[in-house]
Amino acid sequence: MAEAFPFGVAQDIIGRLSSTTFEEIGSIWGFSDDFRKLKDTISTILALLLDAEEQQNMNRQVKDWIMKFKDAVYDADDLLTDFSTEHSRGEVMGGQKKMAKKNF
């Protein structure tokens, strides 16, 4: 089985990208296609991760790839958290639908 952390966080990212919050953010900012592509890419990588996990003990390149994937998952999760936080902040601060562009 794939290591719990990158697999679980990647699944969480896919779930977040499918949420109404990110559908709204994507619509407002024109990121809908980018979010869809990211979700598709992460889904594909998760399938590969299951196979790679079995091979990492015998292949250093695979082990390196898994480490890089973990780093990418952290970065993607941080970015999505920033988007979600700014979106929530905008809703709390007077129901605004637009995030401050200067923050990104």
PDB file of N, CA and C in Angstrom:
ATOM      1  N   MET A   1       0.845  -1.187   0.000  1.00  0.00           N
ATOM      2  CA  MET A   1       0.000   0.000   0.000  1.00  0.00           C
ATOM      3  C   MET A   1       0.883   1.240   0.000  1.00  0.00           C
ATOM      4  N   ALA A   2       0.428   2.282  -0.669  1.00  0.00           N
ATOM      5  CA  ALA A   2       1.187   3.525  -0.738  1.00  0.00           C
ATOM      6  C   ALA A   2       1.305   4.125   0.649  1.00  0.00           C
ATOM      7  N   GLU A   3       2.392   4.864   0.857  1.00  0.00           N
ATOM      8  CA  GLU A   3       2.573   5.511   2.147  1.00  0.00           C
ATOM      9  C   GLU A   3       1.355   6.372   2.428  1.00  0.00           C
ATOM     10  N   ALA A   4       0.875   6.301   3.650  1.00  0.00           N
ATOM     11  CA  ALA A   4      -0.385   6.935   4.011  1.00  0.00           C
ATOM     12  C   ALA A   4      -0.374   8.437   3.774  1.00  0.00           C
ATOM     13  N   PHE A   5       0.718   9.116   4.104  1.00  0.00           N
ATOM     14  CA  PHE A   5       0.671  10.571   4.015  1.00  0.00           C
ATOM     15  C   PHE A   5       0.484  11.102   2.603  1.00  0.00           C
ATOM     16  N   PRO A   6       1.380  10.821   1.662  1.00  0.00           N
ATOM     17  CA  PRO A   6       1.165  11.439   0.349  1.00  0.00           C
ATOM     18  C   PRO A   6      -0.116  10.949  -0.311  1.00  0.00           C
ATOM     19  N   PHE A   7      -0.458   9.699  -0.082  1.00  0.00           N
ATOM     20  CA  PHE A   7      -1.667   9.162  -0.687  1.00  0.00           C
ATOM     21  C   PHE A   7      -2.899   9.850  -0.108  1.00  0.00           C
ATOM     22  N   GLY A   8      -2.954   9.960   1.218  1.00  0.00           N
ATOM     23  CA  GLY A   8      -4.098  10.596   1.877  1.00  0.00           C
ATOM     24  C   GLY A   8      -4.223  12.075   1.556  1.00  0.00           C
ATOM     25  N   VAL A   9      -3.113  12.781   1.562  1.00  0.00           N
ATOM     26  CA  VAL A   9      -3.150  14.216   1.255  1.00  0.00           C
ATOM     27  C   VAL A   9      -3.552  14.430  -0.196  1.00  0.00           C
ATOM     28  N   ALA A  10      -3.039  13.603  -1.091  1.00  0.00           N
ATOM     29  CA  ALA A  10      -3.408  13.729  -2.503  1.00  0.00           C
ATOM     30  C   ALA A  10      -4.901  13.476  -2.695  1.00  0.00           C
ATOM     31  N   GLN A  11      -5.445  12.493  -1.989  1.00  0.00           N
ATOM     32  CA  GLN A  11      -6.886  12.247  -2.062  1.00  0.00           C
ATOM     33  C   GLN A  11      -7.657  13.441  -1.506  1.00  0.00           C
ATOM     34  N   ASP A  12      -7.147  14.049  -0.443  1.00  0.00           N
ATOM     35  CA  ASP A  12      -7.775  15.230   0.130  1.00  0.00           C
ATOM     36  C   ASP A  12      -7.766  16.387  -0.872  1.00  0.00           C
ATOM     37  N   ILE A  13      -6.665  16.546  -1.588  1.00  0.00           N
ATOM     38  CA  ILE A  13      -6.571  17.600  -2.598  1.00  0.00           C
ATOM     39  C   ILE A  13      -7.629  17.388  -3.675  1.00  0.00           C
ATOM     40  N   ILE A  14      -7.785  16.159  -4.124  1.00  0.00           N
ATOM     41  CA  ILE A  14      -8.794  15.857  -5.141  1.00  0.00           C
ATOM     42  C   ILE A  14     -10.188  16.210  -4.610  1.00  0.00           C
ATOM     43  N   GLY A  15     -10.447  15.864  -3.366  1.00  0.00           N
ATOM     44  CA  GLY A  15     -11.735  16.198  -2.757  1.00  0.00           C
ATOM     45  C   GLY A  15     -11.957  17.695  -2.662  1.00  0.00           C
ATOM     46  N   ARG A  16     -10.917  18.413  -2.270  1.00  0.00           N
ATOM     47  CA  ARG A  16     -11.036  19.874  -2.155  1.00  0.00           C
ATOM     48  C   ARG A  16     -11.273  20.509  -3.512  1.00  0.00           C
ATOM     49  N   LEU A  17     -10.573  20.023  -4.538  1.00  0.00           N
ATOM     50  CA  LEU A  17     -10.753  20.581  -5.879  1.00  0.00           C
ATOM     51  C   LEU A  17     -12.155  20.314  -6.423  1.00  0.00           C
ATOM     52  N   SER A  18     -12.825  19.307  -5.892  1.00  0.00           N
ATOM     53  CA  SER A  18     -14.183  18.967  -6.324  1.00  0.00           C
ATOM     54  C   SER A  18     -15.255  19.706  -5.513  1.00  0.00           C
ATOM     55  N   SER A  19     -14.840  20.425  -4.484  1.00  0.00           N
ATOM     56  CA  SER A  19     -15.791  21.085  -3.590  1.00  0.00           C
ATOM     57  C   SER A  19     -16.414  22.322  -4.236  1.00  0.00           C
ATOM     58  N   THR A  20     -17.536  22.743  -3.689  1.00  0.00           N
ATOM     59  CA  THR A  20     -18.204  23.942  -4.188  1.00  0.00           C
ATOM     60  C   THR A  20     -17.344  25.184  -3.979  1.00  0.00           C
ATOM     61  N   THR A  21     -16.556  25.200  -2.912  1.00  0.00           N
ATOM     62  CA  THR A  21     -15.667  26.344  -2.683  1.00  0.00           C
ATOM     63  C   THR A  21     -14.717  26.519  -3.856  1.00  0.00           C
ATOM     64  N   PHE A  22     -14.090  25.417  -4.288  1.00  0.00           N
ATOM     65  CA  PHE A  22     -13.135  25.531  -5.387  1.00  0.00           C
ATOM     66  C   PHE A  22     -13.829  25.665  -6.738  1.00  0.00           C
ATOM     67  N   GLU A  23     -15.046  25.196  -6.862  1.00  0.00           N
ATOM     68  CA  GLU A  23     -15.802  25.468  -8.086  1.00  0.00           C
ATOM     69  C   GLU A  23     -16.067  26.962  -8.188  1.00  0.00           C
ATOM     70  N   GLU A  24     -16.409  27.588  -7.054  1.00  0.00           N
ATOM     71  CA  GLU A  24     -16.655  29.028  -7.037  1.00  0.00           C
ATOM     72  C   GLU A  24     -15.367  29.814  -7.301  1.00  0.00           C
ATOM     73  N   ILE A  25     -14.286  29.429  -6.624  1.00  0.00           N
ATOM     74  CA  ILE A  25     -12.996  30.103  -6.842  1.00  0.00           C
ATOM     75  C   ILE A  25     -12.584  29.967  -8.305  1.00  0.00           C
ATOM     76  N   GLY A  26     -12.707  28.756  -8.846  1.00  0.00           N
ATOM     77  CA  GLY A  26     -12.348  28.528 -10.238  1.00  0.00           C
ATOM     78  C   GLY A  26     -13.167  29.368 -11.189  1.00  0.00           C
ATOM     79  N   SER A  27     -14.439  29.517 -10.892  1.00  0.00           N
ATOM     80  CA  SER A  27     -15.324  30.322 -11.737  1.00  0.00           C
ATOM     81  C   SER A  27     -14.959  31.804 -11.668  1.00  0.00           C
ATOM     82  N   ILE A  28     -14.729  32.298 -10.460  1.00  0.00           N
ATOM     83  CA  ILE A  28     -14.403  33.716 -10.270  1.00  0.00           C
ATOM     84  C   ILE A  28     -13.070  34.065 -10.934  1.00  0.00           C
ATOM     85  N   TRP A  29     -12.070  33.240 -10.727  1.00  0.00           N
ATOM     86  CA  TRP A  29     -10.726  33.552 -11.185  1.00  0.00           C
ATOM     87  C   TRP A  29     -10.371  32.950 -12.541  1.00  0.00           C
ATOM     88  N   GLY A  30     -11.262  32.166 -13.096  1.00  0.00           N
ATOM     89  CA  GLY A  30     -10.976  31.539 -14.378  1.00  0.00           C
ATOM     90  C   GLY A  30     -10.009  30.367 -14.270  1.00  0.00           C
ATOM     91  N   PHE A  31     -10.002  29.721 -13.114  1.00  0.00           N
ATOM     92  CA  PHE A  31      -9.103  28.590 -12.874  1.00  0.00           C
ATOM     93  C   PHE A  31      -9.802  27.238 -13.014  1.00  0.00           C
ATOM     94  N   SER A  32     -11.042  27.215 -13.440  1.00  0.00           N
ATOM     95  CA  SER A  32     -11.800  25.963 -13.469  1.00  0.00           C
ATOM     96  C   SER A  32     -11.072  24.879 -14.246  1.00  0.00           C
ATOM     97  N   ASP A  33     -10.577  25.211 -15.431  1.00  0.00           N
ATOM     98  CA  ASP A  33      -9.850  24.221 -16.234  1.00  0.00           C
ATOM     99  C   ASP A  33      -8.558  23.794 -15.548  1.00  0.00           C
ATOM    100  N   ASP A  34      -7.859  24.756 -14.936  1.00  0.00           N
ATOM    101  CA  ASP A  34      -6.613  24.429 -14.237  1.00  0.00           C
ATOM    102  C   ASP A  34      -6.875  23.501 -13.057  1.00  0.00           C
ATOM    103  N   PHE A  35      -7.928  23.761 -12.297  1.00  0.00           N
ATOM    104  CA  PHE A  35      -8.269  22.888 -11.180  1.00  0.00           C
ATOM    105  C   PHE A  35      -8.645  21.494 -11.669  1.00  0.00           C
ATOM    106  N   ARG A  36      -9.406  21.423 -12.768  1.00  0.00           N
ATOM    107  CA  ARG A  36      -9.793  20.124 -13.322  1.00  0.00           C
ATOM    108  C   ARG A  36      -8.562  19.352 -13.777  1.00  0.00           C
ATOM    109  N   LYS A  37      -7.641  20.028 -14.460  1.00  0.00           N
ATOM    110  CA  LYS A  37      -6.414  19.378 -14.925  1.00  0.00           C
ATOM    111  C   LYS A  37      -5.560  18.906 -13.742  1.00  0.00           C
ATOM    112  N   LEU A  38      -5.464  19.724 -12.713  1.00  0.00           N
ATOM    113  CA  LEU A  38      -4.700  19.343 -11.525  1.00  0.00           C
ATOM    114  C   LEU A  38      -5.317  18.106 -10.876  1.00  0.00           C
ATOM    115  N   LYS A  39      -6.640  18.102 -10.764  1.00  0.00           N
ATOM    116  CA  LYS A  39      -7.332  16.951 -10.173  1.00  0.00           C
ATOM    117  C   LYS A  39      -7.076  15.689 -10.996  1.00  0.00           C
ATOM    118  N   ASP A  40      -7.145  15.796 -12.325  1.00  0.00           N
ATOM    119  CA  ASP A  40      -6.886  14.644 -13.196  1.00  0.00           C
ATOM    120  C   ASP A  40      -5.437  14.165 -13.073  1.00  0.00           C
ATOM    121  N   THR A  41      -4.518  15.103 -13.013  1.00  0.00           N
ATOM    122  CA  THR A  41      -3.100  14.753 -12.891  1.00  0.00           C
ATOM    123  C   THR A  41      -2.817  14.035 -11.578  1.00  0.00           C
ATOM    124  N   ILE A  42      -3.360  14.559 -10.494  1.00  0.00           N
ATOM    125  CA  ILE A  42      -3.132  13.933  -9.192  1.00  0.00           C
ATOM    126  C   ILE A  42      -3.759  12.539  -9.161  1.00  0.00           C
ATOM    127  N   SER A  43      -4.920  12.370  -9.772  1.00  0.00           N
ATOM    128  CA  SER A  43      -5.540  11.038  -9.836  1.00  0.00           C
ATOM    129  C   SER A  43      -4.645  10.047 -10.558  1.00  0.00           C
ATOM    130  N   THR A  44      -4.062  10.483 -11.662  1.00  0.00           N
ATOM    131  CA  THR A  44      -3.154   9.622 -12.427  1.00  0.00           C
ATOM    132  C   THR A  44      -1.916   9.281 -11.603  1.00  0.00           C
ATOM    133  N   ILE A  45      -1.360  10.280 -10.942  1.00  0.00           N
ATOM    134  CA  ILE A  45      -0.165  10.061 -10.131  1.00  0.00           C
ATOM    135  C   ILE A  45      -0.460   9.111  -8.979  1.00  0.00           C
ATOM    136  N   LEU A  46      -1.640   9.199  -8.400  1.00  0.00           N
ATOM    137  CA  LEU A  46      -1.991   8.282  -7.314  1.00  0.00           C
ATOM    138  C   LEU A  46      -1.977   6.833  -7.789  1.00  0.00           C
ATOM    139  N   ALA A  47      -2.470   6.602  -8.985  1.00  0.00           N
ATOM    140  CA  ALA A  47      -2.447   5.240  -9.530  1.00  0.00           C
ATOM    141  C   ALA A  47      -1.005   4.761  -9.699  1.00  0.00           C
ATOM    142  N   LEU A  48      -0.147   5.642 -10.200  1.00  0.00           N
ATOM    143  CA  LEU A  48       1.266   5.298 -10.356  1.00  0.00           C
ATOM    144  C   LEU A  48       1.949   5.102  -9.001  1.00  0.00           C
ATOM    145  N   LEU A  49       1.533   5.869  -8.020  1.00  0.00           N
ATOM    146  CA  LEU A  49       2.128   5.774  -6.690  1.00  0.00           C
ATOM    147  C   LEU A  49       1.928   4.388  -6.086  1.00  0.00           C
ATOM    148  N   LEU A  50       0.780   3.811  -6.324  1.00  0.00           N
ATOM    149  CA  LEU A  50       0.527   2.463  -5.800  1.00  0.00           C
ATOM    150  C   LEU A  50       1.544   1.462  -6.352  1.00  0.00           C
ATOM    151  N   ASP A  51       1.835   1.550  -7.653  1.00  0.00           N
ATOM    152  CA  ASP A  51       2.833   0.664  -8.254  1.00  0.00           C
ATOM    153  C   ASP A  51       4.245   1.017  -7.789  1.00  0.00           C
ATOM    154  N   ALA A  52       4.531   2.306  -7.699  1.00  0.00           N
ATOM    155  CA  ALA A  52       5.873   2.752  -7.321  1.00  0.00           C
ATOM    156  C   ALA A  52       6.216   2.350  -5.898  1.00  0.00           C
ATOM    157  N   GLU A  53       5.237   2.350  -5.033  1.00  0.00           N
ATOM    158  CA  GLU A  53       5.479   1.989  -3.635  1.00  0.00           C
ATOM    159  C   GLU A  53       6.061   0.585  -3.525  1.00  0.00           C
ATOM    160  N   GLU A  54       5.578  -0.317  -4.364  1.00  0.00           N
ATOM    161  CA  GLU A  54       6.068  -1.689  -4.341  1.00  0.00           C
ATOM    162  C   GLU A  54       7.510  -1.796  -4.843  1.00  0.00           C
ATOM    163  N   GLN A  55       7.910  -0.865  -5.706  1.00  0.00           N
ATOM    164  CA  GLN A  55       9.229  -0.934  -6.339  1.00  0.00           C
ATOM    165  C   GLN A  55      10.294  -0.090  -5.652  1.00  0.00           C
ATOM    166  N   GLN A  56       9.913   0.767  -4.736  1.00  0.00           N
ATOM    167  CA  GLN A  56      10.879   1.740  -4.203  1.00  0.00           C
ATOM    168  C   GLN A  56      12.059   1.109  -3.476  1.00  0.00           C
ATOM    169  N   ASN A  57      11.880  -0.043  -2.892  1.00  0.00           N
ATOM    170  CA  ASN A  57      12.987  -0.673  -2.184  1.00  0.00           C
ATOM    171  C   ASN A  57      14.042  -1.238  -3.133  1.00  0.00           C
ATOM    172  N   MET A  58      13.650  -1.502  -4.378  1.00  0.00           N
ATOM    173  CA  MET A  58      14.586  -2.068  -5.346  1.00  0.00           C
ATOM    174  C   MET A  58      15.114  -1.032  -6.343  1.00  0.00           C
ATOM    175  N   ASN A  59      14.502   0.131  -6.393  1.00  0.00           N
ATOM    176  CA  ASN A  59      14.850   1.097  -7.427  1.00  0.00           C
ATOM    177  C   ASN A  59      14.985   2.490  -6.806  1.00  0.00           C
ATOM    178  N   ARG A  60      16.194   3.027  -6.822  1.00  0.00           N
ATOM    179  CA  ARG A  60      16.441   4.347  -6.217  1.00  0.00           C
ATOM    180  C   ARG A  60      15.730   5.467  -6.963  1.00  0.00           C
ATOM    181  N   GLN A  61      15.586   5.327  -8.280  1.00  0.00           N
ATOM    182  CA  GLN A  61      14.880   6.354  -9.044  1.00  0.00           C
ATOM    183  C   GLN A  61      13.421   6.451  -8.620  1.00  0.00           C
ATOM    184  N   VAL A  62      12.826   5.325  -8.372  1.00  0.00           N
ATOM    185  CA  VAL A  62      11.432   5.312  -7.922  1.00  0.00           C
ATOM    186  C   VAL A  62      11.329   5.944  -6.541  1.00  0.00           C
ATOM    187  N   LYS A  63      12.252   5.612  -5.661  1.00  0.00           N
ATOM    188  CA  LYS A  63      12.253   6.196  -4.319  1.00  0.00           C
ATOM    189  C   LYS A  63      12.409   7.717  -4.408  1.00  0.00           C
ATOM    190  N   ASP A  64      13.280   8.189  -5.290  1.00  0.00           N
ATOM    191  CA  ASP A  64      13.473   9.622  -5.492  1.00  0.00           C
ATOM    192  C   ASP A  64      12.192  10.269  -6.023  1.00  0.00           C
ATOM    193  N   TRP A  65      11.537   9.588  -6.960  1.00  0.00           N
ATOM    194  CA  TRP A  65      10.296  10.101  -7.526  1.00  0.00           C
ATOM    195  C   TRP A  65       9.230  10.243  -6.436  1.00  0.00           C
ATOM    196  N   ILE A  66       9.137   9.261  -5.553  1.00  0.00           N
ATOM    197  CA  ILE A  66       8.151   9.322  -4.475  1.00  0.00           C
ATOM    198  C   ILE A  66       8.450  10.505  -3.546  1.00  0.00           C
ATOM    199  N   MET A  67       9.716  10.737  -3.248  1.00  0.00           N
ATOM    200  CA  MET A  67      10.080  11.882  -2.399  1.00  0.00           C
ATOM    201  C   MET A  67       9.698  13.201  -3.065  1.00  0.00           C
ATOM    202  N   LYS A  68       9.941  13.307  -4.372  1.00  0.00           N
ATOM    203  CA  LYS A  68       9.569  14.527  -5.102  1.00  0.00           C
ATOM    204  C   LYS A  68       8.055  14.692  -5.128  1.00  0.00           C
ATOM    205  N   PHE A  69       7.339  13.590  -5.273  1.00  0.00           N
ATOM    206  CA  PHE A  69       5.884  13.644  -5.252  1.00  0.00           C
ATOM    207  C   PHE A  69       5.389  14.159  -3.897  1.00  0.00           C
ATOM    208  N   LYS A  70       6.003  13.679  -2.821  1.00  0.00           N
ATOM    209  CA  LYS A  70       5.621  14.157  -1.494  1.00  0.00           C
ATOM    210  C   LYS A  70       5.788  15.673  -1.404  1.00  0.00           C
ATOM    211  N   ASP A  71       6.916  16.176  -1.898  1.00  0.00           N
ATOM    212  CA  ASP A  71       7.150  17.625  -1.876  1.00  0.00           C
ATOM    213  C   ASP A  71       6.092  18.367  -2.684  1.00  0.00           C
ATOM    214  N   ALA A  72       5.747  17.839  -3.844  1.00  0.00           N
ATOM    215  CA  ALA A  72       4.732  18.479  -4.687  1.00  0.00           C
ATOM    216  C   ALA A  72       3.368  18.469  -4.010  1.00  0.00           C
ATOM    217  N   VAL A  73       3.066  17.382  -3.313  1.00  0.00           N
ATOM    218  CA  VAL A  73       1.788  17.286  -2.605  1.00  0.00           C
ATOM    219  C   VAL A  73       1.725  18.339  -1.500  1.00  0.00           C
ATOM    220  N   TYR A  74       2.815  18.484  -0.744  1.00  0.00           N
ATOM    221  CA  TYR A  74       2.858  19.537   0.281  1.00  0.00           C
ATOM    222  C   TYR A  74       2.601  20.908  -0.353  1.00  0.00           C
ATOM    223  N   ASP A  75       3.289  21.208  -1.450  1.00  0.00           N
ATOM    224  CA  ASP A  75       3.138  22.505  -2.103  1.00  0.00           C
ATOM    225  C   ASP A  75       1.716  22.727  -2.610  1.00  0.00           C
ATOM    226  N   ALA A  76       1.140  21.714  -3.242  1.00  0.00           N
ATOM    227  CA  ALA A  76      -0.232  21.839  -3.750  1.00  0.00           C
ATOM    228  C   ALA A  76      -1.216  22.032  -2.599  1.00  0.00           C
ATOM    229  N   ASP A  77      -1.025  21.287  -1.529  1.00  0.00           N
ATOM    230  CA  ASP A  77      -1.913  21.415  -0.369  1.00  0.00           C
ATOM    231  C   ASP A  77      -1.808  22.816   0.230  1.00  0.00           C
ATOM    232  N   ASP A  78      -0.598  23.334   0.348  1.00  0.00           N
ATOM    233  CA  ASP A  78      -0.413  24.698   0.868  1.00  0.00           C
ATOM    234  C   ASP A  78      -1.099  25.726  -0.025  1.00  0.00           C
ATOM    235  N   LEU A  79      -0.951  25.586  -1.328  1.00  0.00           N
ATOM    236  CA  LEU A  79      -1.559  26.525  -2.267  1.00  0.00           C
ATOM    237  C   LEU A  79      -3.080  26.490  -2.169  1.00  0.00           C
ATOM    238  N   LEU A  80      -3.646  25.304  -2.129  1.00  0.00           N
ATOM    239  CA  LEU A  80      -5.097  25.194  -2.028  1.00  0.00           C
ATOM    240  C   LEU A  80      -5.606  25.732  -0.694  1.00  0.00           C
ATOM    241  N   THR A  81      -4.843  25.536   0.367  1.00  0.00           N
ATOM    242  CA  THR A  81      -5.215  26.107   1.660  1.00  0.00           C
ATOM    243  C   THR A  81      -5.221  27.627   1.578  1.00  0.00           C
ATOM    244  N   ASP A  82      -4.222  28.210   0.919  1.00  0.00           N
ATOM    245  CA  ASP A  82      -4.175  29.662   0.748  1.00  0.00           C
ATOM    246  C   ASP A  82      -5.386  30.171  -0.032  1.00  0.00           C
ATOM    247  N   PHE A  83      -5.721  29.497  -1.129  1.00  0.00           N
ATOM    248  CA  PHE A  83      -6.898  29.883  -1.912  1.00  0.00           C
ATOM    249  C   PHE A  83      -8.160  29.827  -1.049  1.00  0.00           C
ATOM    250  N   SER A  84      -8.339  28.731  -0.348  1.00  0.00           N
ATOM    251  CA  SER A  84      -9.532  28.539   0.471  1.00  0.00           C
ATOM    252  C   SER A  84      -9.610  29.575   1.585  1.00  0.00           C
ATOM    253  N   THR A  85      -8.475  29.849   2.222  1.00  0.00           N
ATOM    254  CA  THR A  85      -8.439  30.833   3.300  1.00  0.00           C
ATOM    255  C   THR A  85      -8.806  32.219   2.789  1.00  0.00           C
ATOM    256  N   GLU A  86      -8.231  32.613   1.674  1.00  0.00           N
ATOM    257  CA  GLU A  86      -8.534  33.930   1.107  1.00  0.00           C
ATOM    258  C   GLU A  86      -9.991  34.023   0.673  1.00  0.00           C
ATOM    259  N   HIS A  87     -10.510  32.947   0.125  1.00  0.00           N
ATOM    260  CA  HIS A  87     -11.912  32.929  -0.282  1.00  0.00           C
ATOM    261  C   HIS A  87     -12.810  33.081   0.943  1.00  0.00           C
ATOM    262  N   SER A  88     -12.528  32.349   2.008  1.00  0.00           N
ATOM    263  CA  SER A  88     -13.315  32.435   3.240  1.00  0.00           C
ATOM    264  C   SER A  88     -13.199  33.814   3.870  1.00  0.00           C
ATOM    265  N   ARG A  89     -11.994  34.348   3.842  1.00  0.00           N
ATOM    266  CA  ARG A  89     -11.777  35.690   4.393  1.00  0.00           C
ATOM    267  C   ARG A  89     -12.615  36.708   3.637  1.00  0.00           C
ATOM    268  N   GLY A  90     -12.676  36.582   2.322  1.00  0.00           N
ATOM    269  CA  GLY A  90     -13.487  37.493   1.516  1.00  0.00           C
ATOM    270  C   GLY A  90     -14.964  37.388   1.840  1.00  0.00           C
ATOM    271  N   GLU A  91     -15.437  36.161   2.101  1.00  0.00           N
ATOM    272  CA  GLU A  91     -16.846  35.993   2.454  1.00  0.00           C
ATOM    273  C   GLU A  91     -17.157  36.580   3.822  1.00  0.00           C
ATOM    274  N   VAL A  92     -16.239  36.416   4.759  1.00  0.00           N
ATOM    275  CA  VAL A  92     -16.447  36.941   6.112  1.00  0.00           C
ATOM    276  C   VAL A  92     -16.377  38.462   6.112  1.00  0.00           C
ATOM    277  N   MET A  93     -15.500  39.020   5.316  1.00  0.00           N
ATOM    278  CA  MET A  93     -15.291  40.470   5.276  1.00  0.00           C
ATOM    279  C   MET A  93     -16.308  41.133   4.345  1.00  0.00           C
ATOM    280  N   GLY A  94     -17.574  40.992   4.637  1.00  0.00           N
ATOM    281  CA  GLY A  94     -18.599  41.704   3.894  1.00  0.00           C
ATOM    282  C   GLY A  94     -19.182  40.927   2.728  1.00  0.00           C
ATOM    283  N   GLY A  95     -18.962  39.634   2.681  1.00  0.00           N
ATOM    284  CA  GLY A  95     -19.557  38.818   1.636  1.00  0.00           C
ATOM    285  C   GLY A  95     -18.957  39.027   0.259  1.00  0.00           C
ATOM    286  N   GLN A  96     -17.759  39.557   0.213  1.00  0.00           N
ATOM    287  CA  GLN A  96     -17.125  39.796  -1.079  1.00  0.00           C
ATOM    288  C   GLN A  96     -16.832  38.480  -1.760  1.00  0.00           C
ATOM    289  N   LYS A  97     -16.977  38.456  -3.080  1.00  0.00           N
ATOM    290  CA  LYS A  97     -16.738  37.236  -3.846  1.00  0.00           C
ATOM    291  C   LYS A  97     -15.337  37.195  -4.440  1.00  0.00           C
ATOM    292  N   LYS A  98     -14.618  38.321  -4.388  1.00  0.00           N
ATOM    293  CA  LYS A  98     -13.293  38.345  -5.004  1.00  0.00           C
ATOM    294  C   LYS A  98     -12.216  38.364  -3.937  1.00  0.00           C
ATOM    295  N   MET A  99     -11.170  37.601  -4.178  1.00  0.00           N
ATOM    296  CA  MET A  99     -10.022  37.603  -3.283  1.00  0.00           C
ATOM    297  C   MET A  99      -9.079  38.734  -3.709  1.00  0.00           C
ATOM    298  N   ALA A 100      -8.297  39.202  -2.769  1.00  0.00           N
ATOM    299  CA  ALA A 100      -7.308  40.237  -3.094  1.00  0.00           C
ATOM    300  C   ALA A 100      -6.241  39.653  -3.990  1.00  0.00           C
ATOM    301  N   LYS A 101      -6.163  40.132  -5.227  1.00  0.00           N
ATOM    302  CA  LYS A 101      -5.242  39.572  -6.209  1.00  0.00           C
ATOM    303  C   LYS A 101      -3.792  39.730  -5.791  1.00  0.00           C
ATOM    304  N   LYS A 102      -3.496  40.765  -5.021  1.00  0.00           N
ATOM    305  CA  LYS A 102      -2.110  40.997  -4.625  1.00  0.00           C
ATOM    306  C   LYS A 102      -1.544  39.869  -3.765  1.00  0.00           C
ATOM    307  N   ASN A 103      -2.401  39.082  -3.127  1.00  0.00           N
ATOM    308  CA  ASN A 103      -1.931  37.983  -2.295  1.00  0.00           C
ATOM    309  C   ASN A 103      -1.439  36.804  -3.109  1.00  0.00           C
ATOM    310  N   PHE A 104      -1.737  36.765  -4.378  1.00  0.00           N
ATOM    311  CA  PHE A 104      -1.309  35.649  -5.220  1.00  0.00           C
ATOM    312  C   PHE A 104      -0.439  36.196  -6.289  1.00  0.00           C
TER     313      PHE A 104
END
